[in-house]
Amino acid sequence: MRKRIYILAVLTVILILAVGSCRKAGTWLVKADNPPHADVMVMLTGSISDRVLQTADLYNEGVATRLWIVEEGMGASRALEARGVKLISNTTQVKSAMITLGIPADSIRIVPGDAASTRMEAEIVRSYLHSQTGIDTLLLVTSAAHTRRAFKIFKAAFSPLDEPPVVCCSPSTYTDFHPEKWWRSKEDIQEVVNEYMKLTNFVFFERRELRND
């Protein structure tokens, strides 16, 4: 009974805070650190165009000379390949676009994996870090509304490491998302609500699991 009362009290406080800061719900999702230098950039999978353009700009500005892309899960596409259908994966398309935009192929590392979520990307990068040296600052490049959640997931995933790298974020400026006026657009409303639902899942479930890995 006490546990139920505690949960209800917490949810009530969260609801009050959410209503009170509703207009800032969009801007809070966007985490922009934009450091002058990072040891490596990690472009997260998802929407391609906005993230590729942002990553290419950062590379050409000299922010980082190394780029990691976690191999994206193909799902049912592998069944098509097994039947002889040749498909170009999103990961391959991203690498090709990066090279076209001026990033040398030898600066791009496809990190092996089968990622289907931000959490899986974070876990794969964490494992990959064990074989790397000199990574003190890691810059996440992703869509604007995704930055806050991505930051929290990577921070939690890296917490078991003895010397975790500093995690920074660079939200893509190539976006139609309007965080200051998010309630005026159906698409922005959907994006904000979706992110907060996923953040709730992270807070109550994923965070503990990542820290205990």
N, C-alpha and C. Protein backbone atom coordinates (compact mmCIF):
# COMPACT_ATOMS: atom_id res chain seq x y z
N MET A 1 0.82 -1.20 0.00
CA MET A 1 0.00 0.00 0.00
C MET A 1 0.86 1.26 0.00
N ARG A 2 1.91 1.25 0.85
CA ARG A 2 2.79 2.41 0.90
C ARG A 2 3.48 2.64 -0.44
N LYS A 3 3.89 1.52 -1.08
CA LYS A 3 4.55 1.63 -2.38
C LYS A 3 3.63 2.26 -3.40
N ARG A 4 2.36 1.86 -3.37
CA ARG A 4 1.40 2.41 -4.32
C ARG A 4 1.19 3.90 -4.07
N ILE A 5 1.10 4.29 -2.80
CA ILE A 5 0.94 5.71 -2.47
C ILE A 5 2.15 6.51 -2.94
N TYR A 6 3.34 5.93 -2.73
CA TYR A 6 4.57 6.61 -3.16
C TYR A 6 4.59 6.81 -4.67
N ILE A 7 4.23 5.76 -5.41
CA ILE A 7 4.22 5.86 -6.87
C ILE A 7 3.21 6.90 -7.33
N LEU A 8 2.03 6.91 -6.72
CA LEU A 8 1.01 7.90 -7.09
C LEU A 8 1.49 9.31 -6.78
N ALA A 9 2.19 9.49 -5.66
CA ALA A 9 2.70 10.81 -5.30
C ALA A 9 3.74 11.28 -6.30
N VAL A 10 4.64 10.37 -6.68
CA VAL A 10 5.67 10.72 -7.65
C VAL A 10 5.05 11.09 -8.99
N LEU A 11 4.10 10.29 -9.45
CA LEU A 11 3.45 10.56 -10.73
C LEU A 11 2.69 11.88 -10.69
N THR A 12 2.10 12.20 -9.54
CA THR A 12 1.39 13.48 -9.41
C THR A 12 2.35 14.65 -9.53
N VAL A 13 3.50 14.54 -8.88
CA VAL A 13 4.51 15.60 -8.97
C VAL A 13 5.00 15.75 -10.40
N ILE A 14 5.25 14.62 -11.05
CA ILE A 14 5.71 14.65 -12.45
C ILE A 14 4.67 15.32 -13.33
N LEU A 15 3.41 14.99 -13.12
CA LEU A 15 2.34 15.57 -13.92
C LEU A 15 2.26 17.08 -13.72
N ILE A 16 2.38 17.52 -12.46
CA ILE A 16 2.33 18.96 -12.18
C ILE A 16 3.49 19.68 -12.86
N LEU A 17 4.67 19.11 -12.75
CA LEU A 17 5.84 19.71 -13.39
C LEU A 17 5.70 19.74 -14.90
N ALA A 18 5.15 18.66 -15.45
CA ALA A 18 4.99 18.58 -16.91
C ALA A 18 4.03 19.64 -17.40
N VAL A 19 2.91 19.81 -16.69
CA VAL A 19 1.93 20.82 -17.09
C VAL A 19 2.51 22.21 -16.94
N GLY A 20 3.25 22.42 -15.83
CA GLY A 20 3.81 23.74 -15.58
C GLY A 20 4.88 24.15 -16.57
N SER A 21 5.56 23.20 -17.13
CA SER A 21 6.66 23.52 -18.07
C SER A 21 6.34 23.06 -19.48
N CYS A 22 5.08 22.92 -19.79
CA CYS A 22 4.67 22.34 -21.06
C CYS A 22 5.25 23.08 -22.26
N ARG A 23 5.28 24.40 -22.19
CA ARG A 23 5.77 25.18 -23.32
C ARG A 23 7.26 24.96 -23.56
N LYS A 24 7.97 24.53 -22.52
CA LYS A 24 9.40 24.29 -22.66
C LYS A 24 9.72 22.82 -22.92
N ALA A 25 8.68 22.03 -23.09
CA ALA A 25 8.89 20.59 -23.29
C ALA A 25 9.73 20.31 -24.53
N GLY A 26 9.55 21.11 -25.57
CA GLY A 26 10.31 20.91 -26.80
C GLY A 26 11.76 21.34 -26.67
N THR A 27 11.99 22.50 -26.07
CA THR A 27 13.36 23.00 -25.95
C THR A 27 14.20 22.14 -25.02
N TRP A 28 13.57 21.54 -24.00
CA TRP A 28 14.33 20.69 -23.07
C TRP A 28 14.87 19.45 -23.76
N LEU A 29 14.16 18.98 -24.76
CA LEU A 29 14.61 17.78 -25.48
C LEU A 29 15.90 18.00 -26.25
N VAL A 30 16.16 19.25 -26.62
CA VAL A 30 17.32 19.56 -27.47
C VAL A 30 18.53 19.88 -26.59
N LYS A 31 19.54 19.03 -26.66
CA LYS A 31 20.78 19.24 -25.90
C LYS A 31 21.89 19.57 -26.88
N ALA A 32 22.36 20.79 -26.83
CA ALA A 32 23.39 21.25 -27.76
C ALA A 32 24.66 21.63 -26.99
N ASP A 33 25.69 20.80 -27.11
CA ASP A 33 26.98 21.10 -26.48
C ASP A 33 27.94 21.71 -27.50
N ASN A 34 27.98 21.09 -28.67
CA ASN A 34 28.82 21.58 -29.77
C ASN A 34 30.23 21.95 -29.32
N PRO A 35 31.00 20.99 -28.81
CA PRO A 35 32.37 21.28 -28.37
C PRO A 35 33.26 21.63 -29.55
N PRO A 36 34.32 22.40 -29.32
CA PRO A 36 35.23 22.75 -30.41
C PRO A 36 36.01 21.56 -30.95
N HIS A 37 36.13 20.52 -30.11
CA HIS A 37 36.88 19.33 -30.55
C HIS A 37 36.32 18.10 -29.84
N ALA A 38 36.32 16.99 -30.57
CA ALA A 38 35.95 15.69 -29.99
C ALA A 38 36.89 14.64 -30.57
N ASP A 39 37.18 13.62 -29.79
CA ASP A 39 38.06 12.56 -30.27
C ASP A 39 37.39 11.72 -31.35
N VAL A 40 36.07 11.57 -31.22
CA VAL A 40 35.34 10.80 -32.22
C VAL A 40 33.89 11.27 -32.24
N MET A 41 33.30 11.27 -33.43
CA MET A 41 31.87 11.52 -33.58
C MET A 41 31.16 10.19 -33.77
N VAL A 42 29.99 10.06 -33.18
CA VAL A 42 29.15 8.89 -33.39
C VAL A 42 27.84 9.38 -33.98
N MET A 43 27.61 9.07 -35.25
CA MET A 43 26.34 9.44 -35.86
C MET A 43 25.33 8.34 -35.60
N LEU A 44 24.27 8.68 -34.88
CA LEU A 44 23.27 7.68 -34.52
C LEU A 44 22.34 7.41 -35.70
N THR A 45 21.86 6.18 -35.77
CA THR A 45 20.99 5.80 -36.88
C THR A 45 19.58 6.32 -36.64
N GLY A 46 18.82 6.35 -37.72
CA GLY A 46 17.47 6.90 -37.68
C GLY A 46 17.24 7.64 -38.97
N SER A 47 16.74 8.87 -38.87
CA SER A 47 16.61 9.68 -40.08
C SER A 47 18.01 9.94 -40.64
N ILE A 48 18.14 9.85 -41.94
CA ILE A 48 19.47 9.88 -42.55
C ILE A 48 19.93 11.28 -42.93
N SER A 49 19.15 11.98 -43.73
CA SER A 49 19.61 13.22 -44.36
C SER A 49 20.08 14.26 -43.35
N ASP A 50 19.26 14.54 -42.32
CA ASP A 50 19.62 15.60 -41.38
C ASP A 50 20.88 15.26 -40.59
N ARG A 51 21.06 14.00 -40.26
CA ARG A 51 22.21 13.60 -39.46
C ARG A 51 23.49 13.54 -40.29
N VAL A 52 23.36 13.08 -41.52
CA VAL A 52 24.52 13.03 -42.41
C VAL A 52 25.04 14.44 -42.69
N LEU A 53 24.15 15.36 -42.98
CA LEU A 53 24.55 16.74 -43.27
C LEU A 53 25.24 17.38 -42.07
N GLN A 54 24.69 17.18 -40.89
CA GLN A 54 25.29 17.75 -39.68
C GLN A 54 26.67 17.15 -39.42
N THR A 55 26.79 15.85 -39.59
CA THR A 55 28.07 15.18 -39.36
C THR A 55 29.12 15.66 -40.35
N ALA A 56 28.74 15.78 -41.61
CA ALA A 56 29.69 16.25 -42.63
C ALA A 56 30.15 17.67 -42.33
N ASP A 57 29.23 18.53 -41.89
CA ASP A 57 29.61 19.90 -41.55
C ASP A 57 30.61 19.92 -40.40
N LEU A 58 30.36 19.12 -39.38
CA LEU A 58 31.26 19.09 -38.22
C LEU A 58 32.65 18.58 -38.62
N TYR A 59 32.67 17.55 -39.46
CA TYR A 59 33.97 17.03 -39.91
C TYR A 59 34.73 18.10 -40.69
N ASN A 60 34.04 18.74 -41.62
CA ASN A 60 34.69 19.75 -42.46
C ASN A 60 35.10 20.99 -41.68
N GLU A 61 34.48 21.20 -40.51
CA GLU A 61 34.88 22.30 -39.63
C GLU A 61 36.05 21.91 -38.73
N GLY A 62 36.45 20.65 -38.78
CA GLY A 62 37.58 20.19 -37.99
C GLY A 62 37.26 19.81 -36.56
N VAL A 63 35.98 19.60 -36.26
CA VAL A 63 35.59 19.24 -34.89
C VAL A 63 36.13 17.87 -34.51
N ALA A 64 36.13 16.94 -35.44
CA ALA A 64 36.66 15.59 -35.20
C ALA A 64 37.16 15.02 -36.51
N THR A 65 38.13 14.13 -36.40
CA THR A 65 38.69 13.50 -37.61
C THR A 65 38.28 12.03 -37.73
N ARG A 66 37.56 11.55 -36.72
CA ARG A 66 37.10 10.16 -36.75
C ARG A 66 35.59 10.10 -36.59
N LEU A 67 34.99 9.18 -37.33
CA LEU A 67 33.54 9.01 -37.28
C LEU A 67 33.20 7.54 -37.12
N TRP A 68 32.35 7.25 -36.16
CA TRP A 68 31.85 5.88 -35.97
C TRP A 68 30.36 5.84 -36.31
N ILE A 69 29.98 4.79 -36.99
CA ILE A 69 28.57 4.53 -37.28
C ILE A 69 28.29 3.09 -36.88
N VAL A 70 27.38 2.89 -35.97
CA VAL A 70 27.04 1.52 -35.56
C VAL A 70 26.19 0.88 -36.65
N GLU A 71 26.57 -0.32 -37.03
CA GLU A 71 25.84 -1.05 -38.07
C GLU A 71 24.38 -1.23 -37.65
N GLU A 72 23.50 -0.83 -38.53
CA GLU A 72 22.07 -0.87 -38.22
C GLU A 72 21.48 -2.25 -38.50
N GLY A 73 20.57 -2.68 -37.65
CA GLY A 73 19.91 -3.96 -37.85
C GLY A 73 19.09 -3.98 -39.12
N MET A 74 19.14 -5.08 -39.83
CA MET A 74 18.43 -5.21 -41.11
C MET A 74 17.04 -5.83 -40.96
N GLY A 75 16.80 -6.48 -39.82
CA GLY A 75 15.50 -7.08 -39.59
C GLY A 75 15.12 -8.10 -40.65
N ALA A 76 13.90 -7.98 -41.16
CA ALA A 76 13.39 -8.94 -42.15
C ALA A 76 14.12 -8.83 -43.49
N SER A 77 14.89 -7.76 -43.68
CA SER A 77 15.62 -7.60 -44.93
C SER A 77 16.60 -8.74 -45.16
N ARG A 78 17.09 -9.33 -44.09
CA ARG A 78 18.02 -10.44 -44.24
C ARG A 78 17.34 -11.64 -44.89
N ALA A 79 16.06 -11.79 -44.63
CA ALA A 79 15.32 -12.88 -45.27
C ALA A 79 15.22 -12.65 -46.77
N LEU A 80 15.09 -11.38 -47.17
CA LEU A 80 15.07 -11.06 -48.60
C LEU A 80 16.42 -11.37 -49.23
N GLU A 81 17.50 -10.99 -48.54
CA GLU A 81 18.84 -11.25 -49.06
C GLU A 81 19.06 -12.75 -49.22
N ALA A 82 18.53 -13.52 -48.29
CA ALA A 82 18.68 -14.98 -48.36
C ALA A 82 18.00 -15.55 -49.60
N ARG A 83 17.04 -14.79 -50.14
CA ARG A 83 16.33 -15.24 -51.34
C ARG A 83 16.88 -14.59 -52.61
N GLY A 84 18.04 -13.93 -52.47
CA GLY A 84 18.70 -13.38 -53.64
C GLY A 84 18.40 -11.94 -53.94
N VAL A 85 17.63 -11.27 -53.09
CA VAL A 85 17.31 -9.86 -53.31
C VAL A 85 18.45 -9.01 -52.76
N LYS A 86 19.06 -8.19 -53.61
CA LYS A 86 20.18 -7.35 -53.20
C LYS A 86 19.66 -6.01 -52.68
N LEU A 87 19.95 -5.72 -51.44
CA LEU A 87 19.52 -4.48 -50.82
C LEU A 87 20.73 -3.68 -50.35
N ILE A 88 20.59 -2.36 -50.40
CA ILE A 88 21.64 -1.49 -49.87
C ILE A 88 21.20 -1.05 -48.48
N SER A 89 21.95 -1.42 -47.47
CA SER A 89 21.57 -1.09 -46.10
C SER A 89 21.68 0.41 -45.85
N ASN A 90 20.97 0.88 -44.82
CA ASN A 90 21.06 2.28 -44.44
C ASN A 90 22.48 2.65 -44.05
N THR A 91 23.18 1.73 -43.40
CA THR A 91 24.56 2.00 -43.00
C THR A 91 25.45 2.23 -44.21
N THR A 92 25.27 1.43 -45.23
CA THR A 92 26.05 1.59 -46.47
C THR A 92 25.71 2.91 -47.15
N GLN A 93 24.43 3.26 -47.17
CA GLN A 93 24.02 4.53 -47.78
C GLN A 93 24.62 5.71 -47.03
N VAL A 94 24.63 5.63 -45.71
CA VAL A 94 25.20 6.71 -44.90
C VAL A 94 26.68 6.88 -45.19
N LYS A 95 27.42 5.78 -45.22
CA LYS A 95 28.86 5.86 -45.49
C LYS A 95 29.12 6.44 -46.87
N SER A 96 28.36 6.02 -47.86
CA SER A 96 28.51 6.54 -49.22
C SER A 96 28.25 8.04 -49.27
N ALA A 97 27.21 8.48 -48.57
CA ALA A 97 26.89 9.91 -48.54
C ALA A 97 27.99 10.70 -47.86
N MET A 98 28.54 10.17 -46.78
CA MET A 98 29.62 10.85 -46.07
C MET A 98 30.84 11.05 -46.96
N ILE A 99 31.19 10.01 -47.70
CA ILE A 99 32.34 10.09 -48.60
C ILE A 99 32.09 11.14 -49.68
N THR A 100 30.88 11.16 -50.22
CA THR A 100 30.52 12.14 -51.24
C THR A 100 30.63 13.57 -50.70
N LEU A 101 30.33 13.74 -49.41
CA LEU A 101 30.36 15.06 -48.79
C LEU A 101 31.75 15.44 -48.27
N GLY A 102 32.75 14.62 -48.57
CA GLY A 102 34.12 15.02 -48.28
C GLY A 102 34.81 14.34 -47.11
N ILE A 103 34.16 13.37 -46.48
CA ILE A 103 34.81 12.65 -45.39
C ILE A 103 35.56 11.45 -45.97
N PRO A 104 36.87 11.36 -45.76
CA PRO A 104 37.64 10.24 -46.32
C PRO A 104 37.13 8.90 -45.78
N ALA A 105 37.16 7.90 -46.63
CA ALA A 105 36.68 6.57 -46.23
C ALA A 105 37.43 6.03 -45.03
N ASP A 106 38.74 6.33 -44.94
CA ASP A 106 39.52 5.78 -43.83
C ASP A 106 39.28 6.52 -42.51
N SER A 107 38.46 7.57 -42.55
CA SER A 107 38.07 8.26 -41.31
C SER A 107 36.76 7.72 -40.76
N ILE A 108 36.11 6.85 -41.54
CA ILE A 108 34.80 6.31 -41.16
C ILE A 108 34.96 4.87 -40.70
N ARG A 109 34.46 4.57 -39.53
CA ARG A 109 34.51 3.21 -39.01
C ARG A 109 33.08 2.71 -38.80
N ILE A 110 32.74 1.63 -39.48
CA ILE A 110 31.45 0.98 -39.25
C ILE A 110 31.65 0.00 -38.09
N VAL A 111 31.03 0.30 -36.97
CA VAL A 111 31.17 -0.55 -35.79
C VAL A 111 30.22 -1.73 -35.92
N PRO A 112 30.74 -2.95 -35.93
CA PRO A 112 29.89 -4.13 -36.14
C PRO A 112 28.80 -4.24 -35.08
N GLY A 113 27.63 -4.62 -35.53
CA GLY A 113 26.51 -4.78 -34.61
C GLY A 113 25.24 -5.02 -35.39
N ASP A 114 24.16 -5.02 -34.71
CA ASP A 114 22.86 -5.22 -35.34
C ASP A 114 21.86 -4.35 -34.59
N ALA A 115 22.20 -3.05 -34.51
CA ALA A 115 21.47 -2.13 -33.65
C ALA A 115 20.07 -1.82 -34.17
N ALA A 116 19.12 -1.88 -33.26
CA ALA A 116 17.73 -1.55 -33.61
C ALA A 116 17.18 -0.46 -32.70
N SER A 117 18.03 0.11 -31.85
CA SER A 117 17.58 1.15 -30.93
C SER A 117 18.78 1.96 -30.45
N THR A 118 18.51 3.11 -29.85
CA THR A 118 19.59 3.93 -29.29
C THR A 118 20.30 3.18 -28.17
N ARG A 119 19.53 2.46 -27.38
CA ARG A 119 20.15 1.68 -26.30
C ARG A 119 21.14 0.66 -26.86
N MET A 120 20.77 -0.03 -27.92
CA MET A 120 21.67 -1.02 -28.51
C MET A 120 22.91 -0.35 -29.07
N GLU A 121 22.75 0.82 -29.68
CA GLU A 121 23.92 1.56 -30.18
C GLU A 121 24.87 1.90 -29.04
N ALA A 122 24.31 2.36 -27.92
CA ALA A 122 25.13 2.72 -26.77
C ALA A 122 25.89 1.51 -26.22
N GLU A 123 25.22 0.38 -26.15
CA GLU A 123 25.86 -0.83 -25.64
C GLU A 123 26.96 -1.32 -26.58
N ILE A 124 26.72 -1.21 -27.88
CA ILE A 124 27.72 -1.63 -28.86
C ILE A 124 28.94 -0.72 -28.82
N VAL A 125 28.70 0.59 -28.72
CA VAL A 125 29.81 1.54 -28.63
C VAL A 125 30.60 1.31 -27.34
N ARG A 126 29.90 1.06 -26.25
CA ARG A 126 30.59 0.78 -24.98
C ARG A 126 31.53 -0.42 -25.11
N SER A 127 31.05 -1.48 -25.72
CA SER A 127 31.90 -2.66 -25.92
C SER A 127 33.08 -2.35 -26.83
N TYR A 128 32.82 -1.55 -27.86
CA TYR A 128 33.87 -1.21 -28.82
C TYR A 128 34.96 -0.36 -28.17
N LEU A 129 34.58 0.45 -27.20
CA LEU A 129 35.55 1.32 -26.53
C LEU A 129 36.65 0.52 -25.83
N HIS A 130 36.37 -0.70 -25.45
CA HIS A 130 37.37 -1.52 -24.76
C HIS A 130 38.59 -1.79 -25.65
N SER A 131 38.39 -1.74 -26.96
CA SER A 131 39.49 -2.01 -27.89
C SER A 131 40.12 -0.72 -28.43
N GLN A 132 39.68 0.43 -27.92
CA GLN A 132 40.16 1.71 -28.41
C GLN A 132 40.93 2.46 -27.32
N THR A 133 41.81 3.35 -27.75
CA THR A 133 42.56 4.18 -26.81
C THR A 133 42.43 5.64 -27.22
N GLY A 134 42.62 6.52 -26.26
CA GLY A 134 42.63 7.94 -26.55
C GLY A 134 41.27 8.55 -26.83
N ILE A 135 40.20 7.90 -26.37
CA ILE A 135 38.86 8.45 -26.57
C ILE A 135 38.41 9.09 -25.26
N ASP A 136 38.61 10.39 -25.15
CA ASP A 136 38.20 11.12 -23.94
C ASP A 136 36.89 11.87 -24.13
N THR A 137 36.62 12.28 -25.38
CA THR A 137 35.40 13.04 -25.68
C THR A 137 34.70 12.41 -26.86
N LEU A 138 33.43 12.09 -26.68
CA LEU A 138 32.64 11.45 -27.72
C LEU A 138 31.45 12.34 -28.04
N LEU A 139 31.29 12.68 -29.31
CA LEU A 139 30.24 13.60 -29.74
C LEU A 139 29.13 12.85 -30.48
N LEU A 140 27.93 12.87 -29.92
CA LEU A 140 26.78 12.24 -30.56
C LEU A 140 26.15 13.22 -31.54
N VAL A 141 25.94 12.75 -32.77
CA VAL A 141 25.28 13.56 -33.78
C VAL A 141 23.96 12.88 -34.11
N THR A 142 22.87 13.62 -33.93
CA THR A 142 21.56 13.03 -34.14
C THR A 142 20.53 14.12 -34.39
N SER A 143 19.29 13.73 -34.57
CA SER A 143 18.22 14.70 -34.77
C SER A 143 18.01 15.51 -33.50
N ALA A 144 17.56 16.74 -33.67
CA ALA A 144 17.47 17.67 -32.54
C ALA A 144 16.67 17.12 -31.37
N ALA A 145 15.47 16.62 -31.63
CA ALA A 145 14.60 16.15 -30.55
C ALA A 145 15.11 14.89 -29.87
N HIS A 146 16.07 14.23 -30.49
CA HIS A 146 16.59 12.96 -29.98
C HIS A 146 17.78 13.14 -29.05
N THR A 147 18.36 14.34 -29.01
CA THR A 147 19.65 14.54 -28.33
C THR A 147 19.59 14.29 -26.83
N ARG A 148 18.55 14.81 -26.15
CA ARG A 148 18.49 14.65 -24.69
C ARG A 148 18.42 13.17 -24.30
N ARG A 149 17.54 12.44 -24.95
CA ARG A 149 17.39 11.02 -24.62
C ARG A 149 18.66 10.25 -24.97
N ALA A 150 19.25 10.55 -26.14
CA ALA A 150 20.47 9.86 -26.54
C ALA A 150 21.59 10.10 -25.53
N PHE A 151 21.72 11.33 -25.07
CA PHE A 151 22.74 11.67 -24.07
C PHE A 151 22.55 10.86 -22.80
N LYS A 152 21.33 10.79 -22.31
CA LYS A 152 21.05 10.07 -21.07
C LYS A 152 21.34 8.57 -21.22
N ILE A 153 20.97 8.02 -22.37
CA ILE A 153 21.20 6.59 -22.60
C ILE A 153 22.69 6.28 -22.65
N PHE A 154 23.46 7.09 -23.37
CA PHE A 154 24.90 6.85 -23.47
C PHE A 154 25.60 7.06 -22.13
N LYS A 155 25.18 8.08 -21.38
CA LYS A 155 25.77 8.30 -20.05
C LYS A 155 25.53 7.10 -19.14
N ALA A 156 24.31 6.58 -19.17
CA ALA A 156 24.00 5.41 -18.34
C ALA A 156 24.77 4.18 -18.80
N ALA A 157 24.88 4.01 -20.10
CA ALA A 157 25.60 2.85 -20.65
C ALA A 157 27.08 2.91 -20.31
N PHE A 158 27.66 4.11 -20.27
CA PHE A 158 29.08 4.26 -20.00
C PHE A 158 29.41 4.25 -18.51
N SER A 159 28.41 4.36 -17.65
CA SER A 159 28.68 4.49 -16.21
C SER A 159 29.45 3.31 -15.61
N PRO A 160 29.31 2.07 -16.13
CA PRO A 160 30.12 0.98 -15.56
C PRO A 160 31.60 1.04 -15.94
N LEU A 161 31.97 1.85 -16.93
CA LEU A 161 33.37 1.93 -17.37
C LEU A 161 34.23 2.60 -16.30
N ASP A 162 35.47 2.18 -16.20
CA ASP A 162 36.39 2.77 -15.23
C ASP A 162 36.68 4.23 -15.56
N GLU A 163 36.88 4.51 -16.83
CA GLU A 163 37.15 5.88 -17.27
C GLU A 163 36.25 6.21 -18.46
N PRO A 164 34.99 6.50 -18.21
CA PRO A 164 34.06 6.78 -19.32
C PRO A 164 34.40 8.09 -20.02
N PRO A 165 34.25 8.14 -21.33
CA PRO A 165 34.49 9.39 -22.04
C PRO A 165 33.41 10.42 -21.75
N VAL A 166 33.75 11.67 -21.93
CA VAL A 166 32.76 12.74 -21.83
C VAL A 166 31.83 12.64 -23.04
N VAL A 167 30.53 12.66 -22.79
CA VAL A 167 29.55 12.56 -23.87
C VAL A 167 28.97 13.94 -24.15
N CYS A 168 29.07 14.36 -25.40
CA CYS A 168 28.51 15.64 -25.84
C CYS A 168 27.51 15.39 -26.97
N CYS A 169 26.72 16.40 -27.27
CA CYS A 169 25.71 16.26 -28.32
C CYS A 169 25.76 17.41 -29.31
N SER A 170 25.48 17.08 -30.56
CA SER A 170 25.34 18.09 -31.60
C SER A 170 24.04 17.82 -32.35
N PRO A 171 22.99 18.58 -32.04
CA PRO A 171 21.71 18.37 -32.73
C PRO A 171 21.78 18.90 -34.15
N SER A 172 21.21 18.15 -35.07
CA SER A 172 21.24 18.59 -36.47
C SER A 172 20.45 19.88 -36.64
N THR A 173 21.03 20.80 -37.38
CA THR A 173 20.34 22.05 -37.69
C THR A 173 19.48 21.91 -38.95
N TYR A 174 19.61 20.78 -39.60
CA TYR A 174 18.83 20.51 -40.82
C TYR A 174 17.52 19.82 -40.41
N THR A 175 16.62 20.60 -39.85
CA THR A 175 15.42 20.02 -39.26
C THR A 175 14.22 20.93 -39.43
N ASP A 176 13.05 20.33 -39.44
CA ASP A 176 11.80 21.09 -39.45
C ASP A 176 11.19 21.14 -38.05
N PHE A 177 11.89 20.60 -37.07
CA PHE A 177 11.39 20.60 -35.70
C PHE A 177 11.55 21.98 -35.08
N HIS A 178 10.49 22.50 -34.47
CA HIS A 178 10.50 23.83 -33.86
C HIS A 178 10.27 23.69 -32.35
N PRO A 179 11.33 23.53 -31.58
CA PRO A 179 11.18 23.25 -30.15
C PRO A 179 10.49 24.35 -29.36
N GLU A 180 10.66 25.61 -29.77
CA GLU A 180 10.05 26.71 -29.02
C GLU A 180 8.54 26.80 -29.25
N LYS A 181 8.06 26.32 -30.38
CA LYS A 181 6.64 26.39 -30.72
C LYS A 181 6.12 25.01 -31.12
N TRP A 182 6.55 24.00 -30.41
CA TRP A 182 6.26 22.62 -30.81
C TRP A 182 4.77 22.30 -30.86
N TRP A 183 3.95 22.98 -30.08
CA TRP A 183 2.52 22.68 -30.00
C TRP A 183 1.74 23.19 -31.22
N ARG A 184 2.40 23.93 -32.11
CA ARG A 184 1.71 24.49 -33.27
C ARG A 184 1.71 23.56 -34.48
N SER A 185 2.44 22.49 -34.41
CA SER A 185 2.56 21.56 -35.54
C SER A 185 2.22 20.15 -35.10
N LYS A 186 1.40 19.47 -35.89
CA LYS A 186 1.04 18.09 -35.57
C LYS A 186 2.28 17.21 -35.53
N GLU A 187 3.19 17.41 -36.48
CA GLU A 187 4.40 16.60 -36.53
C GLU A 187 5.27 16.83 -35.30
N ASP A 188 5.38 18.10 -34.88
CA ASP A 188 6.19 18.40 -33.70
C ASP A 188 5.55 17.84 -32.43
N ILE A 189 4.23 17.91 -32.34
CA ILE A 189 3.53 17.34 -31.18
C ILE A 189 3.81 15.84 -31.09
N GLN A 190 3.70 15.17 -32.23
CA GLN A 190 3.95 13.73 -32.25
C GLN A 190 5.38 13.41 -31.83
N GLU A 191 6.32 14.23 -32.31
CA GLU A 191 7.73 13.98 -31.98
C GLU A 191 8.00 14.19 -30.49
N VAL A 192 7.45 15.26 -29.94
CA VAL A 192 7.65 15.55 -28.52
C VAL A 192 7.02 14.46 -27.64
N VAL A 193 5.78 14.10 -27.94
CA VAL A 193 5.10 13.07 -27.15
C VAL A 193 5.85 11.74 -27.24
N ASN A 194 6.31 11.40 -28.44
CA ASN A 194 7.04 10.15 -28.63
C ASN A 194 8.33 10.12 -27.83
N GLU A 195 9.05 11.24 -27.83
CA GLU A 195 10.31 11.30 -27.08
C GLU A 195 10.07 11.18 -25.57
N TYR A 196 9.03 11.82 -25.08
CA TYR A 196 8.76 11.75 -23.64
C TYR A 196 8.29 10.36 -23.22
N MET A 197 7.57 9.68 -24.10
CA MET A 197 7.19 8.30 -23.80
C MET A 197 8.44 7.42 -23.70
N LYS A 198 9.38 7.61 -24.63
CA LYS A 198 10.61 6.82 -24.61
C LYS A 198 11.49 7.20 -23.42
N LEU A 199 11.48 8.48 -23.05
CA LEU A 199 12.23 8.91 -21.88
C LEU A 199 11.67 8.29 -20.60
N THR A 200 10.35 8.18 -20.54
CA THR A 200 9.72 7.54 -19.38
C THR A 200 10.16 6.09 -19.27
N ASN A 201 10.19 5.40 -20.40
CA ASN A 201 10.67 4.02 -20.41
C ASN A 201 12.12 3.93 -19.96
N PHE A 202 12.92 4.90 -20.39
CA PHE A 202 14.33 4.92 -19.98
C PHE A 202 14.46 5.11 -18.47
N VAL A 203 13.73 6.08 -17.93
CA VAL A 203 13.84 6.40 -16.51
C VAL A 203 13.42 5.23 -15.62
N PHE A 204 12.34 4.57 -15.98
CA PHE A 204 11.80 3.53 -15.11
C PHE A 204 12.38 2.14 -15.37
N PHE A 205 12.95 1.92 -16.55
CA PHE A 205 13.41 0.57 -16.87
C PHE A 205 14.85 0.53 -17.40
N GLU A 206 15.11 1.21 -18.51
CA GLU A 206 16.39 1.06 -19.20
C GLU A 206 17.57 1.54 -18.38
N ARG A 207 17.42 2.64 -17.67
CA ARG A 207 18.56 3.22 -16.95
C ARG A 207 19.16 2.24 -15.95
N ARG A 208 18.32 1.60 -15.16
CA ARG A 208 18.81 0.64 -14.18
C ARG A 208 19.49 -0.53 -14.87
N GLU A 209 18.89 -1.00 -15.95
CA GLU A 209 19.45 -2.15 -16.66
C GLU A 209 20.82 -1.82 -17.25
N LEU A 210 20.96 -0.62 -17.82
CA LEU A 210 22.23 -0.23 -18.41
C LEU A 210 23.32 -0.09 -17.35
N ARG A 211 22.97 0.48 -16.22
CA ARG A 211 23.97 0.68 -15.17
C ARG A 211 24.40 -0.62 -14.52
N ASN A 212 23.55 -1.63 -14.62
CA ASN A 212 23.87 -2.92 -14.01
C ASN A 212 24.52 -3.89 -14.97
N ASP A 213 24.67 -3.49 -16.24
CA ASP A 213 25.28 -4.39 -17.23
C ASP A 213 26.74 -4.66 -16.88
